[in-house]
Structures are given as C-alpha cells and as structure tokens.
N, C-alpha and C. Protein backbone atom coordinates (compact mmCIF):
# COMPACT_ATOMS: atom_id res chain seq x y z
N MET A 1 2.81 5.36 -8.73
CA MET A 1 3.01 4.07 -8.56
C MET A 1 2.82 3.00 -8.13
N ILE A 2 3.26 1.82 -7.46
CA ILE A 2 2.98 0.60 -7.39
C ILE A 2 2.19 0.47 -6.53
N SER A 3 1.10 -0.40 -6.57
CA SER A 3 0.35 -0.53 -5.47
C SER A 3 0.25 -2.04 -4.97
N ARG A 4 0.97 -2.06 -3.67
CA ARG A 4 0.91 -3.05 -3.01
C ARG A 4 -0.33 -3.53 -2.45
N GLN A 5 -1.21 -2.76 -2.22
CA GLN A 5 -2.49 -3.06 -1.76
C GLN A 5 -3.71 -2.85 -2.78
N LYS A 6 -4.58 -3.55 -2.33
CA LYS A 6 -5.97 -2.99 -2.91
C LYS A 6 -7.59 -2.96 -2.26
N GLN A 7 -8.11 -1.68 -3.02
CA GLN A 7 -9.32 -1.58 -1.28
C GLN A 7 -10.12 -2.12 -2.05
N PHE A 8 -11.00 -3.25 -0.98
CA PHE A 8 -11.92 -4.07 -1.41
C PHE A 8 -13.64 -3.40 -0.65
N ASP A 9 -14.60 -3.69 -0.99
CA ASP A 9 -15.67 -3.37 -0.26
C ASP A 9 -16.02 -4.55 1.34
N LEU A 10 -16.32 -4.27 1.97
CA LEU A 10 -16.34 -5.50 2.84
C LEU A 10 -17.27 -7.01 2.20
N ASP A 11 -18.06 -6.17 1.23
CA ASP A 11 -18.58 -7.25 0.88
C ASP A 11 -17.98 -8.30 -0.54
N GLU A 12 -17.42 -7.61 -0.82
CA GLU A 12 -16.19 -8.06 -1.76
C GLU A 12 -15.28 -8.76 -0.94
N ALA A 13 -15.21 -8.96 0.01
CA ALA A 13 -13.36 -9.28 0.76
C ALA A 13 -13.89 -10.63 0.94
N LEU A 14 -13.05 -11.79 0.65
CA LEU A 14 -12.98 -13.08 0.75
C LEU A 14 -12.24 -13.25 1.86
N PRO A 15 -12.82 -14.81 2.40
CA PRO A 15 -12.05 -15.55 3.74
C PRO A 15 -10.21 -15.91 2.36
N GLY A 16 -9.31 -15.80 3.50
CA GLY A 16 -7.92 -15.97 2.95
C GLY A 16 -7.06 -14.37 2.48
N MET A 17 -7.87 -13.41 2.41
CA MET A 17 -7.38 -12.25 1.79
C MET A 17 -6.64 -11.85 2.82
N THR A 18 -5.12 -11.44 3.04
CA THR A 18 -4.24 -10.82 3.94
C THR A 18 -4.72 -8.88 3.93
N LEU A 19 -4.70 -8.61 5.22
CA LEU A 19 -5.02 -7.03 5.25
C LEU A 19 -3.44 -6.38 4.86
N SER A 20 -3.46 -5.26 4.68
CA SER A 20 -2.12 -4.48 4.33
C SER A 20 -1.93 -3.44 5.09
N ASP A 21 -3.27 -3.24 5.87
CA ASP A 21 -2.87 -2.01 6.86
C ASP A 21 -3.84 -2.41 7.83
N ASP A 22 -3.16 -1.92 9.32
CA ASP A 22 -4.09 -1.81 10.16
C ASP A 22 -5.68 -1.36 9.98
N ILE A 23 -6.61 -2.36 10.58
CA ILE A 23 -8.16 -1.47 10.47
C ILE A 23 -8.42 -1.26 12.20
N LEU A 24 -8.84 0.25 12.09
CA LEU A 24 -8.94 0.70 13.19
C LEU A 24 -10.04 1.43 13.58
N ASP A 25 -10.81 1.66 15.02
CA ASP A 25 -11.90 1.84 15.40
C ASP A 25 -12.20 3.35 15.53
N ALA A 26 -13.75 3.71 15.67
CA ALA A 26 -13.55 5.04 15.46
C ALA A 26 -12.66 5.80 17.05
N HIS A 27 -12.39 5.11 17.69
CA HIS A 27 -11.36 5.92 18.62
C HIS A 27 -10.21 5.47 18.24
N GLY A 28 -9.84 5.18 17.12
CA GLY A 28 -8.18 5.17 16.85
C GLY A 28 -7.75 3.62 17.17
N GLY A 29 -8.03 2.91 18.04
CA GLY A 29 -7.57 1.54 18.02
C GLY A 29 -7.80 0.66 17.31
N VAL A 30 -6.85 -0.31 17.05
CA VAL A 30 -6.42 -1.19 16.54
C VAL A 30 -7.23 -2.34 16.58
N LEU A 31 -8.26 -2.90 15.28
CA LEU A 31 -9.03 -3.78 15.22
C LEU A 31 -8.46 -5.07 15.26
N LEU A 32 -7.67 -4.48 13.88
CA LEU A 32 -6.83 -6.07 13.33
C LEU A 32 -5.78 -5.55 12.98
N PRO A 33 -4.63 -5.95 13.28
CA PRO A 33 -3.45 -5.64 12.92
C PRO A 33 -3.25 -6.07 11.29
N ARG A 34 -2.30 -5.49 10.52
CA ARG A 34 -1.77 -5.35 9.64
C ARG A 34 -1.11 -7.02 8.93
N GLY A 35 -1.31 -7.66 8.34
CA GLY A 35 -0.94 -8.98 8.18
C GLY A 35 -2.46 -9.94 8.51
N THR A 36 -2.99 -9.73 8.98
CA THR A 36 -4.14 -10.58 9.62
C THR A 36 -4.73 -11.48 8.28
N THR A 37 -4.88 -12.31 8.44
CA THR A 37 -5.79 -12.96 6.89
C THR A 37 -6.97 -13.12 7.51
N MET A 38 -8.09 -12.90 6.77
CA MET A 38 -9.25 -12.69 7.15
C MET A 38 -10.19 -14.11 6.69
N THR A 39 -10.76 -14.25 8.03
CA THR A 39 -11.97 -15.35 8.08
C THR A 39 -13.17 -15.31 7.80
N GLU A 40 -13.84 -16.16 7.88
CA GLU A 40 -15.87 -15.37 7.42
C GLU A 40 -15.90 -14.90 9.08
N ALA A 41 -15.49 -15.44 10.26
CA ALA A 41 -15.63 -14.87 11.28
C ALA A 41 -14.89 -13.42 11.74
N THR A 42 -14.10 -12.96 11.15
CA THR A 42 -12.89 -11.83 11.08
C THR A 42 -14.39 -10.94 10.23
N LEU A 43 -14.46 -11.36 9.28
CA LEU A 43 -15.36 -10.23 8.27
C LEU A 43 -16.74 -10.33 8.66
N LEU A 44 -17.49 -11.28 9.27
CA LEU A 44 -18.48 -11.03 10.27
C LEU A 44 -18.31 -10.56 11.29
N SER A 45 -17.01 -10.05 11.95
CA SER A 45 -17.32 -9.32 13.06
C SER A 45 -17.52 -8.00 12.39
N LEU A 46 -16.24 -7.57 11.34
CA LEU A 46 -15.84 -6.36 10.99
C LEU A 46 -16.83 -5.83 10.42
N ARG A 47 -17.87 -6.13 9.95
CA ARG A 47 -19.34 -6.07 9.50
C ARG A 47 -20.33 -5.43 10.77
N ARG A 48 -20.22 -6.28 11.76
CA ARG A 48 -21.33 -5.51 13.08
C ARG A 48 -20.54 -4.44 13.87
N ARG A 49 -19.16 -4.36 13.28
CA ARG A 49 -18.61 -3.07 13.88
C ARG A 49 -18.85 -1.87 12.81
N GLY A 50 -19.55 -2.18 11.98
CA GLY A 50 -19.68 -1.13 10.59
C GLY A 50 -18.07 -0.82 10.20
N ILE A 51 -17.88 -1.08 9.72
CA ILE A 51 -16.27 -1.39 8.77
C ILE A 51 -17.06 -1.69 7.69
N ASP A 52 -16.50 -0.74 6.04
CA ASP A 52 -17.07 -1.22 4.76
C ASP A 52 -15.85 -1.10 3.40
N LYS A 53 -14.84 -0.89 4.55
CA LYS A 53 -13.83 -0.90 3.30
C LYS A 53 -12.51 -1.62 4.16
N LEU A 54 -11.79 -2.56 3.19
CA LEU A 54 -10.76 -3.31 3.85
C LEU A 54 -9.64 -2.89 2.44
N LEU A 55 -7.96 -2.58 3.06
CA LEU A 55 -7.28 -2.92 2.27
C LEU A 55 -6.13 -3.93 2.65
N VAL A 56 -5.98 -4.90 1.37
CA VAL A 56 -5.42 -5.77 1.30
C VAL A 56 -4.35 -5.98 0.62
N VAL A 57 -3.77 -7.17 0.64
CA VAL A 57 -2.20 -7.23 -0.39
C VAL A 57 -2.80 -7.91 -1.28
N ASN A 58 -1.85 -6.66 -2.44
CA ASN A 58 -2.51 -7.14 -3.78
C ASN A 58 -1.33 -8.13 -4.69
N GLU A 59 -2.02 -9.33 -4.39
CA GLU A 59 -1.51 -10.21 -4.89
C GLU A 59 -1.19 -10.73 -6.34
N ALA A 60 -1.96 -9.43 -7.46
CA ALA A 60 -1.82 -9.78 -8.44
C ALA A 60 -0.49 -9.34 -9.02
N LEU A 61 0.11 -8.75 -8.17
CA LEU A 61 1.80 -8.70 -8.65
C LEU A 61 3.11 -9.53 -8.37
N SER A 62 3.56 -10.18 -9.41
CA SER A 62 4.70 -11.55 -9.05
C SER A 62 5.15 -10.38 -8.74
N ALA A 63 6.84 -11.08 -7.81
CA ALA A 63 8.17 -10.56 -7.07
C ALA A 63 8.73 -9.78 -8.64
N ALA A 64 8.71 -10.93 -9.72
CA ALA A 64 9.42 -9.94 -10.88
C ALA A 64 8.72 -8.95 -11.31
N ASP A 65 7.45 -9.02 -11.39
CA ASP A 65 6.50 -7.81 -11.84
C ASP A 65 6.95 -6.50 -11.21
N LEU A 66 7.33 -6.71 -9.71
CA LEU A 66 6.92 -5.67 -8.90
C LEU A 66 8.87 -4.91 -8.94
N ALA A 67 9.58 -5.78 -9.04
CA ALA A 67 11.30 -5.32 -9.30
C ALA A 67 11.29 -4.68 -10.58
N ALA A 68 10.68 -5.41 -11.91
CA ALA A 68 11.02 -4.37 -12.95
C ALA A 68 10.07 -3.07 -12.94
N GLU A 69 8.70 -3.06 -12.63
CA GLU A 69 8.19 -1.80 -12.20
C GLU A 69 9.04 -0.90 -11.46
N GLN A 70 9.58 -1.60 -10.00
CA GLN A 70 10.38 -0.54 -9.48
C GLN A 70 11.90 -0.02 -10.19
N GLU A 71 11.95 -0.88 -10.90
CA GLU A 71 13.28 -0.35 -11.45
C GLU A 71 12.87 0.56 -12.96
N ARG A 72 12.02 0.04 -13.67
CA ARG A 72 11.18 1.59 -14.62
C ARG A 72 11.18 2.47 -13.56
N LEU A 73 10.47 2.59 -12.66
CA LEU A 73 10.21 3.74 -11.81
C LEU A 73 11.58 4.48 -11.72
N LEU A 74 12.62 4.06 -10.99
CA LEU A 74 13.93 4.73 -10.67
C LEU A 74 14.37 5.12 -11.68
N GLN A 75 14.78 4.64 -12.76
CA GLN A 75 14.96 4.90 -14.47
C GLN A 75 14.23 6.46 -14.42
N ARG A 76 12.94 6.64 -14.76
CA ARG A 76 12.42 7.37 -15.40
C ARG A 76 12.87 8.63 -14.54
N LEU A 77 12.67 8.29 -13.01
CA LEU A 77 13.20 9.56 -11.62
C LEU A 77 14.40 10.17 -12.20
N ASP A 78 15.25 9.31 -12.35
CA ASP A 78 16.57 9.83 -12.56
C ASP A 78 16.71 10.64 -13.73
N ARG A 79 16.14 9.93 -14.83
CA ARG A 79 16.15 11.10 -16.03
C ARG A 79 15.64 12.61 -15.81
N LEU A 80 14.59 12.44 -15.13
CA LEU A 80 13.38 13.42 -14.66
C LEU A 80 14.53 14.61 -13.76
N PHE A 81 15.57 14.00 -13.13
CA PHE A 81 15.92 14.73 -12.35
C PHE A 81 17.42 14.89 -12.45
N ARG A 82 17.95 14.65 -13.58
CA ARG A 82 19.37 14.27 -14.28
C ARG A 82 20.13 15.84 -14.00
N LYS A 83 19.43 16.83 -14.49
CA LYS A 83 19.72 17.67 -13.97
C LYS A 83 20.09 19.24 -13.23
N CYS A 84 19.69 18.45 -12.10
CA CYS A 84 19.68 19.57 -10.78
C CYS A 84 19.81 18.63 -9.52
N ARG A 85 20.90 18.00 -10.17
CA ARG A 85 21.39 17.07 -8.78
C ARG A 85 22.09 17.24 -7.59
N ASN A 86 22.88 18.11 -7.82
CA ASN A 86 23.85 19.04 -6.98
C ASN A 86 23.31 20.03 -6.13
N GLN A 87 21.49 20.13 -6.17
CA GLN A 87 20.74 21.00 -5.34
C GLN A 87 20.56 20.28 -4.11
N GLU A 88 20.26 20.87 -2.81
CA GLU A 88 19.82 20.17 -1.48
C GLU A 88 18.23 20.33 -2.40
N ALA A 89 17.40 21.38 -2.33
CA ALA A 89 16.00 20.75 -2.45
C ALA A 89 15.54 20.13 -3.52
N SER A 90 16.43 20.06 -4.59
CA SER A 90 16.22 19.16 -5.56
C SER A 90 16.09 17.31 -5.28
N GLU A 91 17.22 17.62 -4.09
CA GLU A 91 17.25 16.20 -3.23
C GLU A 91 16.28 15.49 -2.35
N LEU A 92 15.98 16.18 -1.71
CA LEU A 92 14.84 16.24 -0.92
C LEU A 92 13.54 15.83 -1.91
N LEU A 93 13.36 16.57 -3.01
CA LEU A 93 11.62 16.41 -3.64
C LEU A 93 12.23 15.37 -4.41
N LEU A 94 13.24 14.49 -4.62
CA LEU A 94 13.69 13.65 -5.75
C LEU A 94 13.08 12.43 -4.24
N GLN A 95 13.83 12.48 -3.30
CA GLN A 95 13.42 11.71 -2.23
C GLN A 95 12.35 11.28 -1.98
N SER A 96 11.14 12.56 -1.59
CA SER A 96 9.76 12.21 -1.33
C SER A 96 9.52 11.41 -2.66
N VAL A 97 9.41 12.05 -3.86
CA VAL A 97 8.62 11.69 -4.99
C VAL A 97 9.02 10.25 -4.75
N THR A 98 10.53 9.64 -5.00
CA THR A 98 11.00 8.07 -5.10
C THR A 98 10.07 7.28 -4.07
N GLN A 99 10.24 7.78 -2.93
CA GLN A 99 9.43 6.81 -1.72
C GLN A 99 7.89 7.30 -1.95
N TYR A 100 7.27 8.12 -2.69
CA TYR A 100 5.48 8.05 -2.76
C TYR A 100 5.66 7.09 -4.03
N ARG A 101 6.09 7.35 -4.92
CA ARG A 101 6.16 6.16 -6.10
C ARG A 101 6.44 4.90 -5.82
N LEU A 102 7.12 4.64 -5.04
CA LEU A 102 7.50 3.25 -4.35
C LEU A 102 6.67 2.88 -3.54
N GLY A 103 5.66 3.67 -3.45
CA GLY A 103 4.59 3.33 -2.40
C GLY A 103 4.82 3.17 -0.40
N GLU A 104 6.61 3.84 -0.48
CA GLU A 104 7.04 3.62 0.89
C GLU A 104 6.03 4.86 1.63
N SER A 105 6.30 4.99 2.71
CA SER A 105 5.33 5.67 3.70
C SER A 105 6.55 6.94 3.74
N VAL A 106 6.45 8.30 3.89
CA VAL A 106 7.38 9.47 3.33
C VAL A 106 7.36 9.81 5.07
C-alpha cells in the first residue's frame, strides 16, 4: 500500500505538519478537518483534549516517486489477475485490491 500519510505521537508532531485525516472527539465531532496545518496553539489544544496521535501528510514521497510506485503496483496486480479477467467476482476483487493498494477508500 502506498502510504500518503504517516502517524505521529502528539509529542513528536511539529508545527507546519498538515493533517491527512479529520481529528474527531469522543462523540465523533470534528475537532480539526483534514488539511489543517498544525500550529503550536492547535497542538496544545489537542493535548488538552486528550488526543495522543495524528495522521499527517507524508511529505517524504515526491510526486515522481508516488507515480512510479503506483505504476509498479498496477503492473503487479495486472500480472496477478491476468488469467481471470473475464470473471465478475475477480474483477470486483481486483478493483477492491487496487483501491486498497493505492490508498484510496473502498
């Protein structure tokens, strides 16, 4: 799976990091939406609310690296499913595995 996000303990998080997923409270309410850039104030506020982990955008992957890895994964799946392309169940399985491997929601 291509990881476009990275999990950090709140103590390791730094200002400037961008959330890759919403942060929810205990009741499912959104505290901070995906795409929010962390500041010292937001990190302190999260600490007060008992949040201990964050999912942030993984900036270690360049766009070229990401595209190359996606292409490699697609070629691998194409090879694995090459003999069962005309079966509906196999097509659904391939679609689900592809979405999972590319990090898309299923």
